[in-house]
Protein backbone atom coordinates (compact mmCIF):
# COMPACT_ATOMS: atom_id res chain seq x y z
CA MET A 1 -47.52 -25.32 -61.85
CA LYS A 2 -45.10 -24.58 -59.01
CA LYS A 3 -42.21 -24.34 -61.45
CA MET A 4 -44.12 -21.92 -63.65
CA LYS A 5 -44.88 -19.78 -60.58
CA ASN A 6 -41.19 -19.72 -59.69
CA VAL A 7 -40.40 -18.56 -63.21
CA LEU A 8 -43.01 -15.77 -63.27
CA THR A 9 -42.35 -14.38 -59.78
CA PRO A 10 -39.13 -12.43 -60.68
CA LEU A 11 -40.71 -11.08 -63.86
CA VAL A 12 -43.87 -9.87 -62.08
CA LEU A 13 -41.71 -8.26 -59.38
CA ALA A 14 -39.66 -6.48 -62.01
CA LEU A 15 -42.72 -5.09 -63.76
CA THR A 16 -44.14 -3.95 -60.41
CA LEU A 17 -40.99 -2.06 -59.51
CA ALA A 18 -40.50 -0.54 -62.96
CA GLY A 19 -41.19 3.17 -63.15
CA CYS A 20 -41.36 3.74 -59.41
CA VAL A 21 -39.59 7.12 -59.61
CA ASN A 22 -40.01 9.88 -62.18
CA LEU A 23 -37.14 12.38 -62.26
CA ALA A 24 -38.69 14.69 -64.87
CA PRO A 25 -39.64 18.20 -63.65
CA ARG A 26 -43.33 18.70 -63.01
CA TYR A 27 -44.80 20.22 -66.17
CA GLU A 28 -46.45 23.61 -65.86
CA ARG A 29 -47.76 25.50 -68.86
CA PRO A 30 -45.91 28.84 -69.21
CA ALA A 31 -48.01 31.99 -68.92
CA ALA A 32 -49.00 33.48 -72.27
CA PRO A 33 -46.67 36.45 -72.95
CA VAL A 34 -49.37 38.60 -74.61
CA ALA A 35 -51.96 41.16 -73.57
CA GLY A 36 -55.27 40.06 -72.10
CA ALA A 37 -57.26 41.40 -75.07
CA PHE A 38 -56.71 42.09 -78.75
CA PRO A 39 -56.13 45.73 -79.74
CA THR A 40 -58.97 47.64 -81.38
CA VAL A 41 -58.90 50.18 -84.20
CA GLU A 42 -60.31 53.51 -83.06
CA GLY A 43 -62.83 55.35 -85.15
CA THR A 44 -64.17 52.30 -87.01
CA VAL A 45 -67.84 51.43 -87.38
CA HIS A 46 -69.47 48.06 -87.90
CA SER A 47 -69.14 46.86 -91.47
CA GLY A 48 -72.76 45.73 -91.72
CA ASN A 49 -71.70 42.21 -92.70
CA PRO A 50 -73.32 39.27 -90.88
CA VAL A 51 -71.38 38.16 -87.82
CA ALA A 52 -70.83 34.46 -87.09
CA ASN A 53 -72.42 33.42 -83.79
CA GLU A 54 -69.78 30.80 -82.91
CA ALA A 55 -66.03 30.56 -82.58
CA PRO A 56 -64.20 30.27 -85.93
CA SER A 57 -62.42 27.11 -84.78
CA SER A 58 -65.78 25.33 -84.56
CA ILE A 59 -67.00 26.46 -88.00
CA ALA A 60 -66.33 23.72 -90.55
CA TRP A 61 -64.86 25.01 -93.78
CA GLN A 62 -67.87 23.68 -95.72
CA ARG A 63 -70.05 26.17 -93.81
CA PHE A 64 -67.65 29.10 -94.04
CA PHE A 65 -67.03 28.80 -97.79
CA VAL A 66 -70.43 28.43 -99.46
CA ASP A 67 -69.21 28.77 -103.07
CA ALA A 68 -69.85 25.33 -104.61
CA ARG A 69 -66.85 25.49 -106.93
CA LEU A 70 -64.51 26.56 -104.14
CA GLN A 71 -65.81 23.75 -101.90
CA LYS A 72 -64.97 21.20 -104.58
CA LEU A 73 -61.50 22.67 -105.11
CA ILE A 74 -60.78 22.47 -101.37
CA GLN A 75 -62.03 18.89 -101.24
CA LEU A 76 -59.76 17.90 -104.14
CA ALA A 77 -56.80 19.64 -102.47
CA LEU A 78 -57.38 17.74 -99.21
CA GLU A 79 -57.40 14.49 -101.17
CA ASN A 80 -54.47 15.10 -103.49
CA ASN A 81 -52.16 17.85 -102.23
CA ARG A 82 -48.65 16.42 -101.85
CA ASP A 83 -47.58 18.66 -98.96
CA LEU A 84 -50.60 17.55 -96.93
CA ARG A 85 -49.87 13.94 -97.87
CA VAL A 86 -46.34 14.32 -96.47
CA SER A 87 -47.83 15.69 -93.23
CA ILE A 88 -50.07 12.63 -92.94
CA LEU A 89 -47.15 10.28 -93.56
CA ASN A 90 -45.13 12.14 -90.93
CA ILE A 91 -47.88 11.24 -88.46
CA GLU A 92 -47.57 7.56 -89.36
CA GLN A 93 -43.80 7.74 -88.91
CA ALA A 94 -44.13 9.48 -85.53
CA ARG A 95 -46.75 6.95 -84.41
CA ALA A 96 -44.42 4.08 -85.28
CA ALA A 97 -41.53 5.75 -83.41
CA PHE A 98 -43.75 6.11 -80.34
CA GLN A 99 -44.81 2.47 -80.51
CA ILE A 100 -41.18 1.36 -80.76
CA GLN A 101 -40.20 3.46 -77.73
CA ARG A 102 -43.28 2.37 -75.76
CA ALA A 103 -42.46 -1.30 -76.37
CA ALA A 104 -39.19 -0.81 -74.45
CA ARG A 105 -41.24 -0.46 -71.25
CA PHE A 106 -42.20 -4.13 -71.44
CA PRO A 107 -40.05 -7.27 -71.65
CA ALA A 108 -39.57 -8.82 -75.07
CA ILE A 109 -40.25 -12.57 -74.79
CA ASN A 110 -38.53 -14.81 -77.31
CA ALA A 111 -39.02 -18.48 -78.09
CA GLY A 112 -36.10 -20.63 -79.21
CA LEU A 113 -35.30 -24.18 -80.27
CA THR A 114 -31.67 -25.33 -80.66
CA ALA A 115 -29.96 -28.61 -81.41
CA SER A 116 -26.25 -29.47 -81.31
CA ARG A 117 -24.11 -32.59 -81.83
CA ALA A 118 -20.48 -33.02 -80.79
CA SER A 119 -17.87 -35.77 -80.84
CA THR A 120 -15.13 -36.56 -78.34
CA ALA A 121 -11.69 -38.11 -78.77
CA GLY A 122 -11.41 -41.78 -79.60
CA ASP A 123 -14.29 -44.03 -80.38
CA ALA A 124 -16.80 -42.34 -78.03
CA PRO A 125 -20.24 -41.96 -79.59
CA LEU A 126 -21.62 -38.59 -80.69
CA THR A 127 -23.47 -36.59 -78.04
CA SER A 128 -26.64 -34.66 -78.85
CA VAL A 129 -28.28 -31.79 -76.94
CA TYR A 130 -31.76 -30.43 -77.70
CA GLN A 131 -33.12 -27.29 -76.02
CA ALA A 132 -36.46 -25.46 -76.23
CA GLY A 133 -37.85 -22.60 -74.17
CA VAL A 134 -38.65 -18.90 -73.79
CA SER A 135 -36.34 -16.10 -72.71
CA VAL A 136 -36.24 -12.44 -71.71
CA THR A 137 -33.00 -10.72 -72.67
CA ALA A 138 -31.66 -7.55 -71.03
CA PHE A 139 -35.00 -6.08 -69.97
CA GLU A 140 -34.30 -2.76 -68.23
CA LEU A 141 -35.91 -2.44 -64.82
CA ASP A 142 -37.07 1.18 -65.06
CA LEU A 143 -36.74 2.14 -61.38
CA PHE A 144 -35.90 5.78 -62.15
CA GLY A 145 -38.20 6.42 -65.08
CA ARG A 146 -35.63 6.67 -67.87
CA VAL A 147 -37.53 4.43 -70.28
CA ARG A 148 -40.90 5.84 -69.27
CA ASN A 149 -39.75 9.41 -69.90
CA LEU A 150 -38.36 8.46 -73.29
CA SER A 151 -41.76 6.91 -74.06
CA ASP A 152 -43.56 10.04 -72.86
CA ALA A 153 -41.30 12.20 -75.02
CA ALA A 154 -42.04 10.03 -78.06
CA LEU A 155 -45.78 10.31 -77.36
CA ALA A 156 -45.55 14.10 -77.15
CA GLN A 157 -43.60 14.20 -80.42
CA TYR A 158 -46.30 12.09 -82.04
CA LEU A 159 -49.04 14.41 -80.77
CA ALA A 160 -47.04 17.43 -81.98
CA THR A 161 -46.85 15.86 -85.43
CA GLU A 162 -50.61 15.33 -85.42
CA GLU A 163 -51.11 19.01 -84.59
CA ALA A 164 -48.68 19.95 -87.38
CA ARG A 165 -50.87 17.99 -89.80
CA LYS A 166 -53.89 20.03 -88.68
CA THR A 167 -51.89 23.22 -89.20
CA ALA A 168 -51.00 22.05 -92.71
CA GLN A 169 -54.67 21.42 -93.50
CA ILE A 170 -55.77 24.82 -92.19
CA SER A 171 -53.04 26.54 -94.22
CA LEU A 172 -53.92 24.55 -97.36
CA ILE A 173 -57.62 25.44 -97.15
CA ALA A 174 -56.82 29.13 -96.69
CA THR A 175 -54.30 29.12 -99.55
CA VAL A 176 -56.77 27.45 -101.92
CA ALA A 177 -59.46 29.97 -100.96
CA ASN A 178 -57.18 32.99 -101.37
CA THR A 179 -55.85 31.76 -104.71
CA TYR A 180 -59.41 31.16 -105.91
CA LEU A 181 -60.44 34.66 -104.86
CA THR A 182 -57.41 36.08 -106.65
CA LEU A 183 -58.49 34.24 -109.80
CA LEU A 184 -62.00 35.70 -109.52
CA ALA A 185 -60.56 39.19 -109.05
CA ASP A 186 -58.26 38.83 -112.05
CA LYS A 187 -61.21 37.68 -114.16
CA GLU A 188 -63.20 40.75 -113.11
CA LEU A 189 -60.21 42.94 -113.90
CA LEU A 190 -59.94 41.23 -117.29
CA ASP A 191 -63.61 41.91 -118.03
CA LEU A 192 -63.17 45.53 -116.95
CA THR A 193 -60.07 45.90 -119.12
CA GLN A 194 -61.85 44.43 -122.14
CA GLN A 195 -64.75 46.84 -121.69
CA THR A 196 -62.36 49.76 -121.25
CA LEU A 197 -60.37 48.74 -124.31
CA LYS A 198 -63.53 48.54 -126.36
CA THR A 199 -64.56 52.02 -125.22
CA ARG A 200 -61.13 53.46 -125.91
CA GLU A 201 -60.94 51.87 -129.36
CA GLU A 202 -64.27 53.45 -130.24
CA SER A 203 -63.00 56.77 -128.89
CA LEU A 204 -59.85 56.39 -130.99
CA ARG A 205 -61.95 55.71 -134.12
CA LEU A 206 -63.88 58.91 -133.57
CA SER A 207 -60.67 60.81 -132.83
CA ARG A 208 -59.20 59.73 -136.17
CA LEU A 209 -62.26 61.04 -137.96
CA ARG A 210 -62.05 64.36 -136.10
CA PHE A 211 -58.33 64.62 -136.82
CA GLU A 212 -58.89 63.95 -140.52
CA ASN A 213 -61.53 66.69 -140.54
CA GLY A 214 -59.24 69.11 -138.68
CA VAL A 215 -61.36 69.21 -135.52
CA ILE A 216 -58.60 68.02 -133.14
CA SER A 217 -54.82 68.21 -133.21
CA LYS A 218 -52.38 65.38 -133.66
CA LEU A 219 -51.51 65.71 -129.96
CA ASP A 220 -55.08 64.79 -129.02
CA LEU A 221 -54.97 61.88 -131.46
CA GLN A 222 -51.76 60.52 -129.98
CA LEU A 223 -53.25 60.75 -126.47
CA ALA A 224 -56.12 58.54 -127.65
CA VAL A 225 -53.65 56.10 -129.21
CA SER A 226 -51.66 56.00 -125.95
CA LEU A 227 -54.77 55.17 -123.90
CA VAL A 228 -55.67 52.29 -126.23
CA GLU A 229 -52.19 50.81 -126.02
CA GLN A 230 -52.18 51.18 -122.22
CA ALA A 231 -55.42 49.19 -122.07
CA ARG A 232 -53.91 46.51 -124.32
CA THR A 233 -50.89 46.33 -122.00
CA VAL A 234 -53.14 45.78 -118.99
CA LEU A 235 -55.14 43.21 -120.96
CA ALA A 236 -52.01 41.14 -121.63
CA GLN A 237 -51.04 41.38 -117.97
CA GLN A 238 -54.45 40.16 -116.82
CA GLN A 239 -54.40 37.26 -119.25
CA ARG A 240 -51.01 36.21 -117.91
CA LEU A 241 -52.15 36.55 -114.26
CA ILE A 242 -55.22 34.39 -114.89
CA ALA A 243 -53.05 31.66 -116.40
CA GLN A 244 -50.69 31.85 -113.41
CA ASP A 245 -53.61 31.75 -110.95
CA THR A 246 -54.91 28.62 -112.66
CA ASN A 247 -51.46 27.02 -112.49
CA ALA A 248 -51.22 27.81 -108.77
CA LEU A 249 -54.64 26.25 -108.14
CA THR A 250 -53.64 23.17 -110.10
CA LEU A 251 -50.57 22.72 -107.91
CA LEU A 252 -52.60 23.16 -104.73
CA VAL A 253 -55.31 20.77 -105.89
CA GLY A 254 -52.69 18.21 -106.86
CA GLN A 255 -54.28 17.33 -110.19
CA THR A 256 -55.68 18.91 -113.33
CA ILE A 257 -58.77 20.92 -112.45
CA PRO A 258 -61.78 18.97 -113.83
CA ASP A 259 -64.07 20.64 -116.34
CA SER A 260 -67.06 19.16 -114.50
CA LEU A 261 -66.73 21.42 -111.47
CA PRO A 262 -69.88 23.38 -110.57
CA PRO A 263 -69.93 27.05 -111.57
CA GLY A 264 -68.70 29.51 -109.00
CA ALA A 265 -69.82 32.96 -107.91
CA THR A 266 -68.23 36.19 -109.07
CA LEU A 267 -66.04 38.19 -106.74
CA ALA A 268 -68.66 40.91 -106.50
CA ALA A 269 -71.27 38.35 -105.38
CA THR A 270 -68.97 36.71 -102.83
CA ASN A 271 -69.27 37.60 -99.17
CA LEU A 272 -67.77 36.11 -96.02
CA PRO A 273 -69.11 36.77 -92.52
CA ASP A 274 -67.32 38.80 -89.90
CA LEU A 275 -65.76 36.64 -87.19
CA PRO A 276 -65.70 37.10 -83.42
CA ALA A 277 -62.16 37.24 -82.06
CA GLY A 278 -62.71 35.83 -78.58
CA MET A 279 -59.88 36.19 -76.07
CA PRO A 280 -56.14 35.65 -76.63
CA SER A 281 -56.29 32.64 -74.28
CA ASP A 282 -58.57 30.94 -76.81
CA LEU A 283 -55.59 30.64 -79.14
CA LEU A 284 -54.08 28.01 -76.83
CA SER A 285 -56.89 25.61 -77.63
CA ALA A 286 -57.91 26.81 -81.09
CA ARG A 287 -54.60 26.89 -82.96
CA PRO A 288 -52.91 23.58 -83.73
CA ASP A 289 -49.51 25.25 -84.19
CA VAL A 290 -49.64 26.52 -80.59
CA ARG A 291 -50.71 23.08 -79.35
CA SER A 292 -47.88 21.52 -81.37
CA ALA A 293 -45.36 23.87 -79.75
CA GLU A 294 -46.68 22.88 -76.32
CA GLN A 295 -46.31 19.17 -77.11
CA GLN A 296 -42.72 19.85 -78.12
CA LEU A 297 -42.26 21.51 -74.73
CA ILE A 298 -43.76 18.49 -72.95
CA ALA A 299 -41.37 16.20 -74.86
CA ALA A 300 -38.39 18.35 -73.88
CA ASN A 301 -39.53 18.25 -70.23
CA ALA A 302 -39.61 14.44 -70.33
CA ASP A 303 -36.12 14.36 -71.87
CA ILE A 304 -34.80 16.00 -68.69
CA GLY A 305 -36.14 13.10 -66.63
CA ALA A 306 -34.49 10.58 -68.95
CA ALA A 307 -31.17 12.44 -68.71
CA ARG A 308 -31.32 12.65 -64.92
CA ALA A 309 -31.96 8.91 -64.67
CA ASN A 310 -28.51 8.28 -66.14
CA TYR A 311 -27.03 9.23 -62.76
CA PHE A 312 -28.55 6.15 -61.17
CA PRO A 313 -27.86 2.42 -61.61
CA ARG A 314 -29.28 0.81 -64.71
CA ILE A 315 -30.65 -2.64 -63.83
CA SER A 316 -31.38 -5.17 -66.54
CA LEU A 317 -32.88 -8.64 -66.23
CA THR A 318 -32.16 -11.70 -68.30
CA GLY A 319 -34.09 -14.90 -67.72
CA SER A 320 -35.05 -18.08 -69.49
CA ALA A 321 -37.21 -21.15 -68.93
CA GLY A 322 -37.38 -24.33 -70.94
CA SER A 323 -36.26 -27.93 -71.24
CA ALA A 324 -33.14 -29.76 -72.40
CA SER A 325 -32.60 -33.38 -73.40
CA SER A 326 -30.08 -35.56 -75.15
CA GLU A 327 -32.91 -36.94 -77.27
CA LEU A 328 -35.48 -35.03 -79.21
CA SER A 329 -38.24 -37.40 -78.06
CA GLY A 330 -37.46 -36.62 -74.43
CA LEU A 331 -37.47 -32.84 -74.79
CA PHE A 332 -40.84 -32.37 -73.11
CA LYS A 333 -40.74 -35.25 -70.61
CA GLY A 334 -40.80 -34.76 -66.86
CA GLY A 335 -37.53 -33.78 -65.28
CA SER A 336 -36.22 -31.96 -68.34
CA PHE A 337 -37.52 -28.48 -67.37
CA GLY A 338 -35.47 -25.70 -65.77
CA TRP A 339 -35.09 -21.94 -65.53
CA SER A 340 -32.46 -19.28 -64.97
CA PHE A 341 -32.65 -15.69 -63.75
CA ALA A 342 -29.69 -13.30 -64.11
CA PRO A 343 -30.14 -9.66 -63.02
CA GLN A 344 -27.38 -7.17 -63.82
CA ALA A 345 -26.80 -3.71 -62.32
CA ILE A 346 -24.45 -1.14 -63.83
CA LEU A 347 -23.55 1.85 -61.69
CA PRO A 348 -21.79 4.67 -63.55
CA LEU A 349 -18.70 5.97 -61.72
CA PHE A 350 -16.57 8.19 -63.97
CA ASP A 351 -17.71 9.51 -67.36
CA PHE A 352 -15.77 12.80 -67.47
CA GLY A 353 -18.94 14.93 -67.26
CA ALA A 354 -20.97 13.16 -69.95
CA ARG A 355 -24.04 12.68 -67.73
CA ARG A 356 -23.92 16.25 -66.46
CA ALA A 357 -23.63 17.53 -70.01
CA GLY A 358 -26.59 15.35 -70.98
CA VAL A 359 -28.76 16.92 -68.27
CA GLU A 360 -27.57 20.42 -69.20
CA SER A 361 -28.37 19.73 -72.84
CA ALA A 362 -31.85 18.50 -71.93
CA VAL A 363 -32.49 21.56 -69.75
CA ALA A 364 -31.33 23.87 -72.54
CA GLY A 365 -33.60 21.98 -74.94
CA ARG A 366 -36.52 22.56 -72.58
CA ASP A 367 -35.71 26.28 -72.36
CA ILE A 368 -35.56 26.46 -76.16
CA ALA A 369 -38.96 24.74 -76.35
CA VAL A 370 -40.36 27.30 -73.86
CA ALA A 371 -39.09 30.16 -76.02
CA ARG A 372 -40.58 28.57 -79.16
CA TYR A 373 -43.91 28.03 -77.40
CA GLU A 374 -44.01 31.65 -76.28
CA LYS A 375 -43.01 32.81 -79.77
CA ALA A 376 -45.82 30.71 -81.27
CA ILE A 377 -48.32 32.47 -78.98
CA GLN A 378 -46.90 35.91 -79.77
CA SER A 379 -46.96 35.21 -83.51
CA ALA A 380 -50.55 34.00 -83.27
CA PHE A 381 -51.50 37.13 -81.29
CA ARG A 382 -49.92 39.38 -83.91
CA GLU A 383 -51.58 37.53 -86.83
CA VAL A 384 -55.01 37.74 -85.23
CA SER A 385 -54.53 41.42 -84.33
CA ASP A 386 -53.55 42.26 -87.92
CA ALA A 387 -56.52 40.37 -89.35
CA LEU A 388 -58.91 42.01 -86.87
CA ALA A 389 -57.58 45.42 -87.91
CA GLY A 390 -58.35 44.44 -91.48
CA GLN A 391 -61.86 43.29 -90.60
CA ALA A 392 -62.48 46.63 -88.90
CA THR A 393 -61.27 48.76 -91.83
CA PHE A 394 -61.44 46.92 -95.17
CA SER A 395 -65.24 47.24 -95.49
CA GLU A 396 -65.02 51.00 -95.06
CA GLN A 397 -62.11 51.15 -97.51
CA LEU A 398 -64.18 49.22 -100.07
CA ARG A 399 -67.20 51.48 -99.55
CA ALA A 400 -65.06 54.59 -100.00
CA GLN A 401 -63.32 53.19 -103.08
CA GLN A 402 -66.64 52.24 -104.68
CA ALA A 403 -67.82 55.80 -104.01
CA VAL A 404 -64.69 57.08 -105.76
CA ALA A 405 -65.42 54.85 -108.77
CA ALA A 406 -69.02 56.11 -108.91
CA ALA A 407 -67.83 59.73 -108.74
CA GLU A 408 -65.29 59.12 -111.49
CA ALA A 409 -68.01 57.53 -113.64
CA ASP A 410 -70.14 60.69 -113.24
CA ARG A 411 -67.10 62.84 -113.97
CA PHE A 412 -66.40 60.89 -117.19
CA ASN A 413 -70.01 61.18 -118.35
CA LEU A 414 -70.05 64.92 -117.66
CA SER A 415 -66.67 65.41 -119.36
CA ASP A 416 -67.89 63.50 -122.39
CA LEU A 417 -71.04 65.65 -122.52
CA ARG A 418 -69.08 68.89 -122.15
CA TYR A 419 -66.59 67.78 -124.80
CA ARG A 420 -69.40 67.04 -127.25
CA ASN A 421 -70.82 70.50 -126.54
CA GLY A 422 -67.43 72.12 -127.04
CA THR A 423 -67.05 73.40 -123.47
CA ALA A 424 -64.25 71.00 -122.43
CA SER A 425 -60.99 69.97 -124.03
CA TYR A 426 -60.25 66.50 -125.30
CA LEU A 427 -57.48 66.29 -122.71
CA ASP A 428 -60.06 66.66 -119.93
CA LEU A 429 -62.10 63.81 -121.42
CA LEU A 430 -59.10 61.46 -121.69
CA ASP A 431 -58.00 62.28 -118.14
CA ALA A 432 -61.49 61.45 -116.83
CA GLN A 433 -61.46 58.18 -118.78
CA ARG A 434 -58.09 57.21 -117.36
CA SER A 435 -59.10 58.10 -113.79
CA LEU A 436 -62.30 56.06 -114.08
CA PHE A 437 -60.41 52.94 -115.15
CA THR A 438 -57.96 53.30 -112.25
CA ALA A 439 -60.77 53.81 -109.70
CA GLN A 440 -62.66 50.76 -110.96
CA GLN A 441 -59.51 48.64 -110.75
CA GLN A 442 -58.85 49.79 -107.19
CA ALA A 443 -62.43 48.97 -106.17
CA ILE A 444 -62.00 45.37 -107.33
CA GLU A 445 -58.64 45.12 -105.56
CA ALA A 446 -60.16 46.53 -102.35
CA ASN A 447 -62.90 43.92 -102.45
CA LEU A 448 -60.30 41.18 -102.97
CA ALA A 449 -58.26 42.45 -100.02
CA ARG A 450 -61.37 42.47 -97.80
CA LEU A 451 -62.32 38.88 -98.68
CA GLN A 452 -58.78 37.56 -98.39
CA ASN A 453 -58.47 39.21 -94.98
CA GLN A 454 -61.56 37.31 -93.81
CA VAL A 455 -59.99 34.06 -95.03
CA THR A 456 -56.82 34.93 -93.14
CA LEU A 457 -58.78 35.76 -89.98
CA TYR A 458 -60.58 32.42 -90.25
CA ARG A 459 -57.21 30.66 -90.52
CA VAL A 460 -55.40 32.46 -87.71
CA LEU A 461 -58.32 31.86 -85.34
CA GLY A 462 -57.99 28.11 -85.91
CA GLY A 463 -60.77 27.68 -88.47
CA GLY A 464 -60.57 25.02 -91.15
CA TRP A 465 -59.91 21.93 -89.07
CA SER A 466 -63.26 20.86 -87.65
CA GLU A 467 -65.51 18.83 -89.90
CA PRO A 468 -69.33 18.52 -90.04
CA ALA A 469 -70.70 15.73 -87.86
CA ASN A 470 -71.77 13.69 -90.87
CA THR A 471 -68.59 14.19 -92.86
CA THR A 472 -65.36 12.27 -92.56
CA ALA A 473 -62.23 14.35 -92.88
CA ALA A 474 -60.41 13.82 -96.15
CA ARG A 475 -57.27 11.89 -95.55
């Protein structure tokens, strides 16, 4: 027992002394380089949409997107998307790197068993030596925090990678939602184009009859033909866009879209609530990309401490304890045990500025991380401000555009009536028909822009990461 105590005493002392000094600068979060409040758009009125009564970052995506088909598409994307899978694997790699670096703070204990036989000159018998024991090889006594700071830096890098994975999930959810909304809009535009084409083909049929009976000129007939062909051009474009939207969704989902998905709502029936913005300071806790940038800054701060420690002696300990015998049967008998303890200290003298350059590099790396952190906050502030401007104006733009479409519909009906009564030219009727189609298209596009802006606002305010209490996040 006394021998074991003698063996453990140097090791316990080494662990007690390790990490006594930390040369890293004290970390202080930089002040956010943005205004204290988000800008407002003057002259806007409330949209009349329901307003969420909680912060977007705490609204699970299953509650924000109520469309059953969209919910299933997002779930499949979270399970199968390859970019998100890479982000998850990056976390595993960063976790392993942290565990490797953290293990350097503790001594690695090895067990060994060796046997050797040797002969001497002449007729002397062979000699045998058997050894068994445990050893600690070159364990660094971390008096100045070099190893601890490297471990802290690895931990911060791991946490930054975890935040990057959350950012990837938020972005994926928003991209799936926006692509899905684009598909719904293109389907509505396709239906509108098909209805318009049908109306124009009927108008062309009547125009041919009138031309054959000498009621209208060939110029009027060719105008009717032109409108039909324009509608067919738009029809082909919409068919192509729908196919491309479906291909984009398939890539995001990571598999062929199943036929068994529940039916979804139309774009006209889809609505997303308005979102409260909160304060710019909320971005520091709500957005994973900002938190990731801060973890990168913390890692760079720890690297300075590791670089500074290189100015001081590096002390390593090597020790072993075990038994030796000339016979295998006597390896564990009394009197065969022993131990050794060999500390080593290396004091750097001349390195031609390498240590100074290392510290300067670490300081520059920290300053770069500060700039990136501040840029992340500024970018977040700008994204939220843009989306809030959209929330304040897109509803009014949609209302106005729908009013334009309704007015153009009345104009077309009146032009058609006047043309039938002979008080308006055929050119007036075709112009009203063309203007109505354009106004209806723009109304659908305005509705799409409004909904996609709400998805963007949800994303830039940190929404899309939290999960319901009874739901496990898809991994």
